[in-house]
C-alpha cells in the first residue's frame, strides 16, 4: 500500500518572519551603490531614484486596479523618470536658465496632460475615476520622490540625501527591532504585514 511522503515543513526564518541574510545582503548592496553613486556619480543615484519611483507607481497602480480604478501607468512611469532627471539637472545648471520650480511644475503638468490624453480612447465611462487614480499616483509618488533629486542638486547635496536616508532607516529599523523584542499584538491586524509579531492571535 502506497503512503504519501511526509510533508516538508515550510521554511521559516525565525521570529523575524523574513530571510534576514538575504535582506541584509540586499541592504548592503543597495547601500554600497548609494554611497558610491553619491560620491563619484550623482546621476547614477538619480537613476536609482527613477527606478524606485517607477516600481512604486506600478505597485500603486495594481492596488488601485483591484478597486476598479485604472491609471495611465505608461505616461506616469515615463513622467516619473522625466521629473527626477529634470529636477536634478535644473538644479545643477550653470548658468541658471530654468528654475527647478518651473522645471518640476512643467514636468508634472505634462505628465498629467499625457495621462489624460492616454485615457481618452477608452471613452467617457469611468474617465473621471481613472484620471483620479492617475492624479493620486502622480501626486503621491513622482512628486514627493522628486525631492530626493532636488536635495541632491543643492549645495552639499550628498550629505543632505545621506542624512535624510539615515533618519528613515533608523526609524524603520527601530520600529522593526521594537516589534521583534516587545511586540505581541499587531496595531492594525488587517494592514500589518506581521513581520515582527512574536505570537499568533487566537480568534474564536
N, C-alpha and C. Protein backbone atom coordinates (compact mmCIF):
# COMPACT_ATOMS: atom_id res chain seq x y z
N UNK A 1 0.86 -1.19 0.00
CA UNK A 1 0.00 0.00 0.00
C UNK A 1 0.89 1.23 0.00
N UNK A 2 0.60 2.11 -0.94
CA UNK A 2 1.41 3.31 -1.06
C UNK A 2 0.99 4.33 -0.02
N UNK A 3 1.96 4.95 0.54
CA UNK A 3 1.69 6.01 1.52
C UNK A 3 2.29 7.31 1.02
N UNK A 4 1.66 8.40 1.36
CA UNK A 4 2.14 9.70 0.95
C UNK A 4 3.40 10.06 1.72
N UNK A 5 4.36 10.67 1.06
CA UNK A 5 5.58 11.08 1.76
C UNK A 5 5.25 12.12 2.81
N UNK A 6 6.01 12.15 3.88
CA UNK A 6 5.74 13.15 4.93
C UNK A 6 5.90 14.56 4.38
N UNK A 7 5.01 15.43 4.83
CA UNK A 7 5.05 16.82 4.38
C UNK A 7 6.29 17.50 4.90
N UNK A 8 6.92 18.26 4.02
CA UNK A 8 8.12 19.00 4.41
C UNK A 8 7.68 20.31 5.05
N UNK A 9 8.08 20.55 6.26
CA UNK A 9 7.66 21.79 6.92
C UNK A 9 8.18 23.00 6.17
N UNK A 10 7.32 24.03 6.13
CA UNK A 10 7.71 25.26 5.44
C UNK A 10 8.90 25.89 6.13
N UNK A 11 9.79 26.41 5.33
CA UNK A 11 11.00 27.03 5.89
C UNK A 11 10.63 28.33 6.57
N UNK A 12 11.10 28.49 7.75
CA UNK A 12 10.87 29.72 8.47
C UNK A 12 12.19 30.42 8.70
N UNK A 13 12.09 31.65 9.07
CA UNK A 13 13.29 32.46 9.26
C UNK A 13 13.29 33.09 10.64
N UNK A 14 12.92 32.29 11.63
CA UNK A 14 12.96 32.78 12.99
C UNK A 14 11.79 33.69 13.31
N UNK A 15 11.91 34.32 14.42
CA UNK A 15 10.84 35.18 14.90
C UNK A 15 10.63 36.38 14.01
N UNK A 16 11.65 36.80 13.31
CA UNK A 16 11.54 37.99 12.47
C UNK A 16 10.58 37.79 11.32
N UNK A 17 10.38 36.54 10.87
CA UNK A 17 9.45 36.29 9.80
C UNK A 17 9.97 36.65 8.43
N UNK A 18 11.26 36.82 8.27
CA UNK A 18 11.84 37.15 6.98
C UNK A 18 13.23 36.53 6.88
N UNK A 19 13.73 36.43 5.66
CA UNK A 19 15.06 35.89 5.43
C UNK A 19 16.08 36.99 5.70
N UNK A 20 16.57 37.03 6.93
CA UNK A 20 17.47 38.12 7.32
C UNK A 20 18.76 38.15 6.53
N UNK A 21 19.44 37.00 6.24
CA UNK A 21 20.67 37.09 5.44
C UNK A 21 20.44 37.73 4.08
N UNK A 22 19.33 37.33 3.43
CA UNK A 22 19.04 37.92 2.12
C UNK A 22 18.72 39.40 2.25
N UNK A 23 17.93 39.75 3.27
CA UNK A 23 17.57 41.16 3.47
C UNK A 23 18.81 42.00 3.76
N UNK A 24 19.73 41.46 4.59
CA UNK A 24 20.96 42.19 4.91
C UNK A 24 21.83 42.33 3.67
N UNK A 25 21.93 41.26 2.86
CA UNK A 25 22.74 41.32 1.64
C UNK A 25 22.23 42.36 0.66
N UNK A 26 20.91 42.37 0.47
CA UNK A 26 20.33 43.37 -0.44
C UNK A 26 20.55 44.78 0.10
N UNK A 27 20.37 44.93 1.41
CA UNK A 27 20.56 46.25 2.01
C UNK A 27 21.99 46.74 1.87
N UNK A 28 22.95 45.84 2.09
CA UNK A 28 24.36 46.23 1.96
C UNK A 28 24.69 46.59 0.51
N UNK A 29 24.17 45.79 -0.43
CA UNK A 29 24.42 46.08 -1.84
C UNK A 29 23.84 47.42 -2.27
N UNK A 30 22.60 47.67 -1.89
CA UNK A 30 21.99 48.96 -2.22
C UNK A 30 22.71 50.11 -1.53
N UNK A 31 23.11 49.86 -0.27
CA UNK A 31 23.83 50.90 0.46
C UNK A 31 25.15 51.27 -0.22
N UNK A 32 25.87 50.24 -0.68
CA UNK A 32 27.14 50.50 -1.37
C UNK A 32 26.91 51.27 -2.66
N UNK A 33 25.86 50.90 -3.41
CA UNK A 33 25.54 51.61 -4.65
C UNK A 33 25.21 53.07 -4.37
N UNK A 34 24.41 53.30 -3.33
CA UNK A 34 24.02 54.66 -2.99
C UNK A 34 25.23 55.50 -2.61
N UNK A 35 26.09 54.97 -1.74
CA UNK A 35 27.26 55.73 -1.28
C UNK A 35 28.20 56.04 -2.44
N UNK A 36 28.49 55.02 -3.26
CA UNK A 36 29.42 55.23 -4.37
C UNK A 36 28.85 56.20 -5.40
N UNK A 37 27.56 56.08 -5.68
CA UNK A 37 26.96 56.99 -6.67
C UNK A 37 26.92 58.42 -6.15
N UNK A 38 26.65 58.60 -4.88
CA UNK A 38 26.60 59.95 -4.32
C UNK A 38 27.99 60.60 -4.33
N UNK A 39 29.02 59.80 -4.12
CA UNK A 39 30.38 60.35 -4.06
C UNK A 39 30.95 60.60 -5.45
N UNK A 40 30.80 59.62 -6.34
CA UNK A 40 31.50 59.69 -7.62
C UNK A 40 30.61 60.03 -8.83
N UNK A 41 29.33 59.64 -8.79
CA UNK A 41 28.49 59.84 -9.97
C UNK A 41 27.05 60.09 -9.54
N UNK A 42 26.71 61.31 -9.14
CA UNK A 42 25.35 61.62 -8.67
C UNK A 42 24.24 61.24 -9.63
N UNK A 43 24.41 61.39 -10.98
CA UNK A 43 23.32 60.96 -11.87
C UNK A 43 22.95 59.49 -11.72
N UNK A 44 23.91 58.65 -11.30
CA UNK A 44 23.61 57.23 -11.09
C UNK A 44 22.64 57.06 -9.92
N UNK A 45 22.73 57.95 -8.95
CA UNK A 45 21.77 57.90 -7.84
C UNK A 45 20.38 58.29 -8.33
N UNK A 46 20.32 59.26 -9.23
CA UNK A 46 19.03 59.67 -9.79
C UNK A 46 18.41 58.52 -10.58
N UNK A 47 19.26 57.69 -11.22
CA UNK A 47 18.75 56.50 -11.91
C UNK A 47 18.06 55.58 -10.91
N UNK A 48 18.69 55.37 -9.75
CA UNK A 48 18.09 54.52 -8.71
C UNK A 48 16.77 55.11 -8.22
N UNK A 49 16.74 56.42 -8.04
CA UNK A 49 15.50 57.09 -7.62
C UNK A 49 14.41 56.89 -8.66
N UNK A 50 14.75 57.02 -9.93
CA UNK A 50 13.77 56.85 -11.00
C UNK A 50 13.21 55.44 -11.02
N UNK A 51 14.10 54.45 -10.87
CA UNK A 51 13.64 53.06 -10.85
C UNK A 51 12.69 52.82 -9.67
N UNK A 52 13.05 53.36 -8.52
CA UNK A 52 12.20 53.19 -7.32
C UNK A 52 10.84 53.85 -7.53
N UNK A 53 10.81 55.01 -8.16
CA UNK A 53 9.55 55.71 -8.39
C UNK A 53 8.67 54.95 -9.38
N UNK A 54 9.29 54.39 -10.42
CA UNK A 54 8.52 53.61 -11.39
C UNK A 54 7.92 52.37 -10.74
N UNK A 55 8.73 51.65 -9.96
CA UNK A 55 8.24 50.45 -9.28
C UNK A 55 7.13 50.78 -8.29
N UNK A 56 7.29 51.88 -7.56
CA UNK A 56 6.26 52.28 -6.61
C UNK A 56 4.97 52.68 -7.33
N UNK A 57 5.11 53.35 -8.47
CA UNK A 57 3.93 53.75 -9.24
C UNK A 57 3.19 52.53 -9.76
N UNK A 58 3.93 51.54 -10.24
CA UNK A 58 3.31 50.31 -10.75
C UNK A 58 2.59 49.58 -9.62
N UNK A 59 3.21 49.52 -8.45
CA UNK A 59 2.60 48.84 -7.31
C UNK A 59 1.29 49.52 -6.91
N UNK A 60 1.30 50.85 -6.85
CA UNK A 60 0.08 51.58 -6.51
C UNK A 60 -0.97 51.44 -7.61
N UNK A 61 -0.51 51.41 -8.86
CA UNK A 61 -1.42 51.19 -9.99
C UNK A 61 -2.15 49.86 -9.86
N UNK A 62 -1.43 48.80 -9.50
CA UNK A 62 -2.05 47.48 -9.35
C UNK A 62 -3.02 47.46 -8.17
N UNK A 63 -2.67 48.17 -7.09
CA UNK A 63 -3.57 48.23 -5.94
C UNK A 63 -4.87 48.95 -6.28
N UNK A 64 -4.77 50.05 -7.01
CA UNK A 64 -5.97 50.79 -7.41
C UNK A 64 -6.79 50.03 -8.43
N UNK A 65 -6.10 49.25 -9.25
CA UNK A 65 -6.80 48.46 -10.28
C UNK A 65 -7.74 47.45 -9.64
N UNK A 66 -7.36 46.93 -8.47
CA UNK A 66 -8.22 45.99 -7.77
C UNK A 66 -9.50 46.66 -7.26
N UNK A 67 -9.47 47.99 -7.16
CA UNK A 67 -10.64 48.74 -6.73
C UNK A 67 -11.43 49.30 -7.91
N UNK A 68 -11.09 48.84 -9.12
CA UNK A 68 -11.81 49.29 -10.31
C UNK A 68 -11.33 50.61 -10.87
N UNK A 69 -10.13 51.05 -10.49
CA UNK A 69 -9.57 52.32 -10.98
C UNK A 69 -8.30 52.02 -11.77
N UNK A 70 -8.33 52.37 -13.04
CA UNK A 70 -7.19 52.06 -13.91
C UNK A 70 -6.46 53.35 -14.29
N UNK A 71 -5.27 53.51 -13.77
CA UNK A 71 -4.49 54.72 -14.05
C UNK A 71 -3.73 54.56 -15.36
N UNK A 72 -3.23 55.67 -15.87
CA UNK A 72 -2.42 55.67 -17.09
C UNK A 72 -0.97 55.43 -16.70
N UNK A 73 -0.63 54.18 -16.44
CA UNK A 73 0.66 53.88 -15.83
C UNK A 73 1.83 54.14 -16.78
N UNK A 74 1.63 54.00 -18.07
CA UNK A 74 2.75 54.21 -19.01
C UNK A 74 3.23 55.67 -18.98
N UNK A 75 2.36 56.66 -19.23
CA UNK A 75 2.85 58.05 -19.13
C UNK A 75 3.29 58.42 -17.72
N UNK A 76 2.70 57.80 -16.71
CA UNK A 76 3.14 58.09 -15.34
C UNK A 76 4.56 57.60 -15.11
N UNK A 77 4.88 56.41 -15.61
CA UNK A 77 6.24 55.87 -15.45
C UNK A 77 7.25 56.73 -16.20
N UNK A 78 6.90 57.12 -17.43
CA UNK A 78 7.80 58.00 -18.20
C UNK A 78 7.95 59.34 -17.51
N UNK A 79 6.84 59.87 -17.01
CA UNK A 79 6.88 61.15 -16.30
C UNK A 79 7.70 61.09 -15.03
N UNK A 80 7.67 59.96 -14.34
CA UNK A 80 8.45 59.82 -13.12
C UNK A 80 9.95 59.97 -13.40
N UNK A 81 10.39 59.36 -14.48
CA UNK A 81 11.80 59.48 -14.87
C UNK A 81 12.12 60.91 -15.28
N UNK A 82 11.23 61.52 -16.07
CA UNK A 82 11.46 62.89 -16.54
C UNK A 82 11.48 63.87 -15.37
N UNK A 83 10.59 63.69 -14.41
CA UNK A 83 10.53 64.58 -13.26
C UNK A 83 11.81 64.49 -12.44
N UNK A 84 12.31 63.28 -12.23
CA UNK A 84 13.52 63.10 -11.42
C UNK A 84 14.73 63.74 -12.09
N UNK A 85 14.97 63.39 -13.35
CA UNK A 85 16.15 63.91 -14.04
C UNK A 85 16.00 65.40 -14.34
N UNK A 86 14.78 65.84 -14.67
CA UNK A 86 14.57 67.26 -14.94
C UNK A 86 14.85 68.10 -13.71
N UNK A 87 14.38 67.66 -12.54
CA UNK A 87 14.61 68.40 -11.32
C UNK A 87 16.09 68.43 -10.97
N UNK A 88 16.78 67.30 -11.18
CA UNK A 88 18.20 67.22 -10.82
C UNK A 88 19.04 68.14 -11.70
N UNK A 89 18.88 68.03 -13.00
CA UNK A 89 19.72 68.82 -13.90
C UNK A 89 19.35 70.30 -13.89
N UNK A 90 18.09 70.61 -13.61
CA UNK A 90 17.71 72.02 -13.50
C UNK A 90 18.37 72.67 -12.29
N UNK A 91 18.55 71.89 -11.22
CA UNK A 91 19.19 72.43 -10.04
C UNK A 91 20.69 72.56 -10.16
N UNK A 92 21.31 71.89 -11.13
CA UNK A 92 22.77 71.91 -11.27
C UNK A 92 23.24 72.72 -12.47
N UNK A 93 22.33 73.29 -13.22
CA UNK A 93 22.73 74.00 -14.43
C UNK A 93 23.43 75.31 -14.09
N UNK A 94 24.45 75.61 -14.83
CA UNK A 94 25.21 76.85 -14.71
C UNK A 94 25.51 77.38 -16.10
N UNK A 95 25.07 78.58 -16.45
CA UNK A 95 24.25 79.50 -15.64
C UNK A 95 22.80 79.03 -15.56
N UNK A 96 22.07 79.58 -14.62
CA UNK A 96 20.68 79.19 -14.42
C UNK A 96 19.83 79.73 -15.57
N UNK A 97 19.18 78.81 -16.27
CA UNK A 97 18.27 79.18 -17.36
C UNK A 97 16.82 78.94 -16.95
N UNK A 98 16.59 77.75 -16.43
CA UNK A 98 15.26 77.42 -15.94
C UNK A 98 15.37 77.08 -14.46
N UNK A 99 14.48 77.63 -13.66
CA UNK A 99 14.49 77.32 -12.22
C UNK A 99 13.99 75.91 -11.99
N UNK A 100 14.41 75.33 -10.86
CA UNK A 100 13.97 73.97 -10.54
C UNK A 100 12.46 73.92 -10.36
N UNK A 101 11.88 75.00 -9.84
CA UNK A 101 10.43 75.04 -9.64
C UNK A 101 9.69 74.97 -10.97
N UNK A 102 10.16 75.75 -11.95
CA UNK A 102 9.49 75.77 -13.25
C UNK A 102 9.63 74.43 -13.96
N UNK A 103 10.80 73.80 -13.86
CA UNK A 103 11.02 72.50 -14.49
C UNK A 103 10.15 71.44 -13.84
N UNK A 104 10.08 71.45 -12.50
CA UNK A 104 9.27 70.47 -11.79
C UNK A 104 7.79 70.63 -12.12
N UNK A 105 7.31 71.86 -12.12
CA UNK A 105 5.90 72.11 -12.42
C UNK A 105 5.58 71.74 -13.87
N UNK A 106 6.49 72.07 -14.79
CA UNK A 106 6.26 71.73 -16.19
C UNK A 106 6.22 70.22 -16.40
N UNK A 107 7.14 69.50 -15.74
CA UNK A 107 7.16 68.04 -15.85
C UNK A 107 5.88 67.42 -15.29
N UNK A 108 5.43 67.94 -14.16
CA UNK A 108 4.19 67.44 -13.56
C UNK A 108 3.00 67.72 -14.47
N UNK A 109 2.94 68.95 -15.02
CA UNK A 109 1.82 69.31 -15.88
C UNK A 109 1.79 68.45 -17.13
N UNK A 110 2.94 68.20 -17.73
CA UNK A 110 3.00 67.36 -18.93
C UNK A 110 2.61 65.92 -18.61
N UNK A 111 3.01 65.43 -17.43
CA UNK A 111 2.64 64.07 -17.03
C UNK A 111 1.14 63.95 -16.85
N UNK A 112 0.53 64.94 -16.21
CA UNK A 112 -0.92 64.94 -16.02
C UNK A 112 -1.63 65.00 -17.37
N UNK A 113 -1.17 65.91 -18.24
CA UNK A 113 -1.79 66.05 -19.57
C UNK A 113 -1.66 64.76 -20.37
N UNK A 114 -0.49 64.15 -20.35
CA UNK A 114 -0.28 62.91 -21.09
C UNK A 114 -1.17 61.79 -20.54
N UNK A 115 -1.37 61.76 -19.22
CA UNK A 115 -2.23 60.75 -18.62
C UNK A 115 -3.69 60.93 -19.05
N UNK A 116 -4.12 62.16 -19.13
CA UNK A 116 -5.49 62.44 -19.55
C UNK A 116 -5.71 62.05 -21.01
N UNK A 117 -4.75 62.38 -21.84
CA UNK A 117 -4.86 62.03 -23.27
C UNK A 117 -4.79 60.52 -23.45
N UNK A 118 -3.92 59.86 -22.69
CA UNK A 118 -3.76 58.41 -22.79
C UNK A 118 -5.07 57.68 -22.50
N UNK A 119 -5.88 58.22 -21.60
CA UNK A 119 -7.11 57.57 -21.20
C UNK A 119 -8.27 57.83 -22.17
N UNK A 120 -8.20 58.86 -22.99
CA UNK A 120 -9.32 59.28 -23.84
C UNK A 120 -9.85 58.20 -24.78
N UNK A 121 -9.00 57.39 -25.43
CA UNK A 121 -9.54 56.39 -26.37
C UNK A 121 -10.48 55.38 -25.74
N UNK A 122 -10.46 55.22 -24.43
CA UNK A 122 -11.34 54.24 -23.78
C UNK A 122 -12.75 54.76 -23.57
N UNK A 123 -12.98 56.02 -23.88
CA UNK A 123 -14.33 56.56 -23.79
C UNK A 123 -14.62 57.31 -22.51
N UNK A 124 -15.87 57.75 -22.40
CA UNK A 124 -16.28 58.59 -21.28
C UNK A 124 -16.51 57.79 -20.00
N UNK A 125 -16.99 56.57 -20.15
CA UNK A 125 -17.33 55.75 -18.98
C UNK A 125 -16.11 55.54 -18.08
N UNK A 126 -16.21 55.96 -16.84
CA UNK A 126 -15.13 55.77 -15.87
C UNK A 126 -13.94 56.70 -16.07
N UNK A 127 -14.09 57.72 -16.92
CA UNK A 127 -12.95 58.60 -17.23
C UNK A 127 -12.49 59.36 -15.97
N UNK A 128 -13.44 59.98 -15.27
CA UNK A 128 -13.08 60.75 -14.08
C UNK A 128 -12.45 59.86 -13.02
N UNK A 129 -12.99 58.66 -12.85
CA UNK A 129 -12.46 57.72 -11.86
C UNK A 129 -11.02 57.35 -12.19
N UNK A 130 -10.74 57.04 -13.44
CA UNK A 130 -9.39 56.62 -13.83
C UNK A 130 -8.41 57.78 -13.77
N UNK A 131 -8.86 58.98 -14.16
CA UNK A 131 -7.97 60.14 -14.07
C UNK A 131 -7.67 60.48 -12.62
N UNK A 132 -8.65 60.28 -11.74
CA UNK A 132 -8.40 60.50 -10.32
C UNK A 132 -7.32 59.55 -9.82
N UNK A 133 -7.35 58.30 -10.29
CA UNK A 133 -6.31 57.35 -9.91
C UNK A 133 -4.94 57.81 -10.41
N UNK A 134 -4.89 58.31 -11.64
CA UNK A 134 -3.62 58.80 -12.19
C UNK A 134 -3.09 59.99 -11.40
N UNK A 135 -3.98 60.92 -11.05
CA UNK A 135 -3.56 62.09 -10.30
C UNK A 135 -3.07 61.71 -8.90
N UNK A 136 -3.71 60.71 -8.31
CA UNK A 136 -3.27 60.25 -6.99
C UNK A 136 -1.84 59.71 -7.06
N UNK A 137 -1.57 58.89 -8.06
CA UNK A 137 -0.23 58.31 -8.20
C UNK A 137 0.80 59.39 -8.49
N UNK A 138 0.47 60.31 -9.39
CA UNK A 138 1.41 61.38 -9.76
C UNK A 138 1.75 62.25 -8.56
N UNK A 139 0.74 62.60 -7.78
CA UNK A 139 0.97 63.47 -6.64
C UNK A 139 1.63 62.76 -5.47
N UNK A 140 1.41 61.46 -5.36
CA UNK A 140 1.92 60.72 -4.21
C UNK A 140 3.32 60.13 -4.44
N UNK A 141 3.61 59.71 -5.67
CA UNK A 141 4.89 59.03 -5.91
C UNK A 141 5.92 59.94 -6.59
N UNK A 142 5.78 60.29 -7.87
CA UNK A 142 6.84 61.08 -8.50
C UNK A 142 7.02 62.49 -7.92
N UNK A 143 5.90 63.13 -7.52
CA UNK A 143 6.05 64.48 -6.96
C UNK A 143 6.85 64.45 -5.68
N UNK A 144 6.48 63.58 -4.74
CA UNK A 144 7.21 63.51 -3.47
C UNK A 144 8.61 62.92 -3.67
N UNK A 145 8.72 61.93 -4.56
CA UNK A 145 10.02 61.33 -4.80
C UNK A 145 11.02 62.26 -5.46
N UNK A 146 10.53 63.26 -6.18
CA UNK A 146 11.42 64.19 -6.88
C UNK A 146 12.24 65.02 -5.90
N UNK A 147 11.81 65.11 -4.65
CA UNK A 147 12.56 65.90 -3.68
C UNK A 147 13.93 65.29 -3.39
N UNK A 148 14.09 63.99 -3.61
CA UNK A 148 15.41 63.38 -3.45
C UNK A 148 16.38 63.94 -4.48
N UNK A 149 15.91 64.08 -5.73
CA UNK A 149 16.75 64.67 -6.77
C UNK A 149 17.00 66.15 -6.50
N UNK A 150 16.00 66.85 -5.97
CA UNK A 150 16.16 68.27 -5.66
C UNK A 150 17.18 68.47 -4.55
N UNK A 151 17.14 67.62 -3.53
CA UNK A 151 18.13 67.73 -2.45
C UNK A 151 19.54 67.48 -2.97
N UNK A 152 19.67 66.51 -3.87
CA UNK A 152 20.99 66.17 -4.40
C UNK A 152 21.55 67.30 -5.24
N UNK A 153 20.68 68.06 -5.90
CA UNK A 153 21.13 69.13 -6.78
C UNK A 153 21.60 70.36 -6.01
N UNK A 154 21.20 70.50 -4.76
CA UNK A 154 21.58 71.67 -3.97
C UNK A 154 23.00 71.53 -3.42
N UNK A 155 23.47 72.61 -2.79
CA UNK A 155 24.79 72.57 -2.16
C UNK A 155 24.84 71.51 -1.08
N UNK A 156 25.95 70.80 -0.98
CA UNK A 156 26.11 69.68 -0.06
C UNK A 156 24.98 68.65 -0.24
N UNK A 157 24.62 68.45 -1.50
CA UNK A 157 23.53 67.54 -1.83
C UNK A 157 23.70 66.13 -1.30
N UNK A 158 24.87 65.49 -1.52
CA UNK A 158 25.06 64.13 -1.00
C UNK A 158 24.85 64.03 0.50
N UNK A 159 25.34 65.02 1.27
CA UNK A 159 25.16 64.99 2.71
C UNK A 159 23.69 65.14 3.09
N UNK A 160 22.96 65.95 2.35
CA UNK A 160 21.53 66.11 2.60
C UNK A 160 20.81 64.78 2.39
N UNK A 161 21.13 64.12 1.28
CA UNK A 161 20.46 62.86 0.97
C UNK A 161 20.81 61.78 1.99
N UNK A 162 22.09 61.68 2.36
CA UNK A 162 22.51 60.68 3.34
C UNK A 162 21.82 60.90 4.68
N UNK A 163 21.75 62.16 5.12
CA UNK A 163 21.08 62.47 6.38
C UNK A 163 19.62 62.06 6.34
N UNK A 164 18.95 62.39 5.25
CA UNK A 164 17.54 62.04 5.10
C UNK A 164 17.34 60.53 5.13
N UNK A 165 18.21 59.80 4.42
CA UNK A 165 18.08 58.35 4.36
C UNK A 165 18.37 57.71 5.71
N UNK A 166 19.35 58.22 6.44
CA UNK A 166 19.66 57.67 7.76
C UNK A 166 18.49 57.82 8.71
N UNK A 167 17.80 58.95 8.63
CA UNK A 167 16.64 59.17 9.50
C UNK A 167 15.56 58.13 9.20
N UNK A 168 15.31 57.90 7.90
CA UNK A 168 14.30 56.93 7.51
C UNK A 168 14.69 55.52 7.94
N UNK A 169 15.95 55.15 7.68
CA UNK A 169 16.42 53.81 8.01
C UNK A 169 16.37 53.56 9.51
N UNK A 170 16.83 54.53 10.30
CA UNK A 170 16.83 54.35 11.75
C UNK A 170 15.41 54.27 12.29
N UNK A 171 14.49 55.04 11.72
CA UNK A 171 13.10 54.97 12.16
C UNK A 171 12.50 53.61 11.84
N UNK A 172 12.73 53.10 10.63
CA UNK A 172 12.18 51.81 10.24
C UNK A 172 12.82 50.67 11.03
N UNK A 173 14.14 50.74 11.18
CA UNK A 173 14.85 49.69 11.91
C UNK A 173 14.46 49.69 13.38
N UNK A 174 14.31 50.87 13.96
CA UNK A 174 13.91 50.96 15.36
C UNK A 174 12.53 50.36 15.59
N UNK A 175 11.60 50.65 14.68
CA UNK A 175 10.26 50.07 14.80
C UNK A 175 10.29 48.56 14.63
N UNK A 176 11.11 48.08 13.72
CA UNK A 176 11.23 46.64 13.48
C UNK A 176 11.81 45.92 14.70
N UNK A 177 12.90 46.47 15.25
CA UNK A 177 13.53 45.85 16.42
C UNK A 177 12.59 45.87 17.61
N UNK A 178 11.88 46.97 17.81
CA UNK A 178 10.94 47.06 18.92
C UNK A 178 9.81 46.03 18.75
N UNK A 179 9.38 45.83 17.49
CA UNK A 179 8.33 44.84 17.26
C UNK A 179 8.80 43.43 17.53
N UNK A 180 10.04 43.12 17.13
CA UNK A 180 10.59 41.78 17.36
C UNK A 180 10.78 41.51 18.85
N UNK A 181 11.28 42.49 19.59
CA UNK A 181 11.61 42.27 21.00
C UNK A 181 10.39 42.38 21.92
N UNK A 182 9.51 43.32 21.62
CA UNK A 182 8.42 43.60 22.56
C UNK A 182 7.02 43.41 21.97
N UNK A 183 6.92 43.26 20.64
CA UNK A 183 5.60 43.20 20.04
C UNK A 183 4.88 41.89 20.30
N UNK A 184 3.61 41.98 20.62
CA UNK A 184 2.77 40.80 20.83
C UNK A 184 1.51 40.84 19.97
N UNK A 185 0.98 42.02 19.79
CA UNK A 185 -0.27 42.14 19.04
C UNK A 185 -0.11 43.24 17.98
N UNK A 186 -0.50 42.98 16.74
CA UNK A 186 -0.40 44.00 15.69
C UNK A 186 -1.34 45.16 15.95
N UNK A 187 -0.90 46.37 15.68
CA UNK A 187 -1.73 47.55 15.89
C UNK A 187 -2.90 47.58 14.92
N UNK A 188 -2.66 47.10 13.69
CA UNK A 188 -3.71 47.05 12.67
C UNK A 188 -3.68 45.66 12.04
N UNK A 189 -4.45 44.70 12.55
CA UNK A 189 -4.37 43.31 12.07
C UNK A 189 -4.62 43.15 10.58
N UNK A 190 -5.47 44.00 10.00
CA UNK A 190 -5.80 43.86 8.59
C UNK A 190 -4.75 44.49 7.69
N UNK A 191 -3.87 45.31 8.26
CA UNK A 191 -2.87 46.02 7.46
C UNK A 191 -1.47 45.52 7.75
N UNK A 192 -1.20 45.20 9.01
CA UNK A 192 0.15 44.82 9.42
C UNK A 192 0.66 43.62 8.65
N UNK A 193 1.89 43.68 8.10
CA UNK A 193 2.46 42.51 7.41
C UNK A 193 2.89 41.42 8.35
N UNK A 194 2.84 41.67 9.66
CA UNK A 194 3.15 40.67 10.68
C UNK A 194 4.58 40.13 10.55
N UNK A 195 5.52 40.99 10.18
CA UNK A 195 6.90 40.56 10.05
C UNK A 195 7.60 40.49 11.40
N UNK A 196 7.08 41.21 12.38
CA UNK A 196 7.77 41.24 13.67
C UNK A 196 6.88 40.80 14.82
N UNK A 197 5.71 40.23 14.53
CA UNK A 197 4.80 39.81 15.60
C UNK A 197 5.29 38.49 16.17
N UNK A 198 5.45 38.44 17.45
CA UNK A 198 6.02 37.26 18.07
C UNK A 198 5.05 36.12 18.26
N UNK A 199 3.79 36.38 18.51
CA UNK A 199 2.83 35.34 18.81
C UNK A 199 1.61 35.47 17.92
N UNK A 200 0.98 34.35 17.66
CA UNK A 200 -0.25 34.34 16.87
C UNK A 200 -1.43 34.65 17.77
N UNK A 201 -2.38 35.34 17.20
CA UNK A 201 -3.58 35.69 17.95
C UNK A 201 -4.64 34.64 17.69
N UNK A 202 -5.16 34.03 18.73
CA UNK A 202 -6.21 33.02 18.58
C UNK A 202 -7.55 33.73 18.48
N UNK A 203 -8.23 33.49 17.37
CA UNK A 203 -9.54 34.11 17.17
C UNK A 203 -10.61 33.03 17.30
N UNK A 204 -11.56 33.29 18.13
CA UNK A 204 -12.64 32.34 18.33
C UNK A 204 -13.97 33.02 18.08
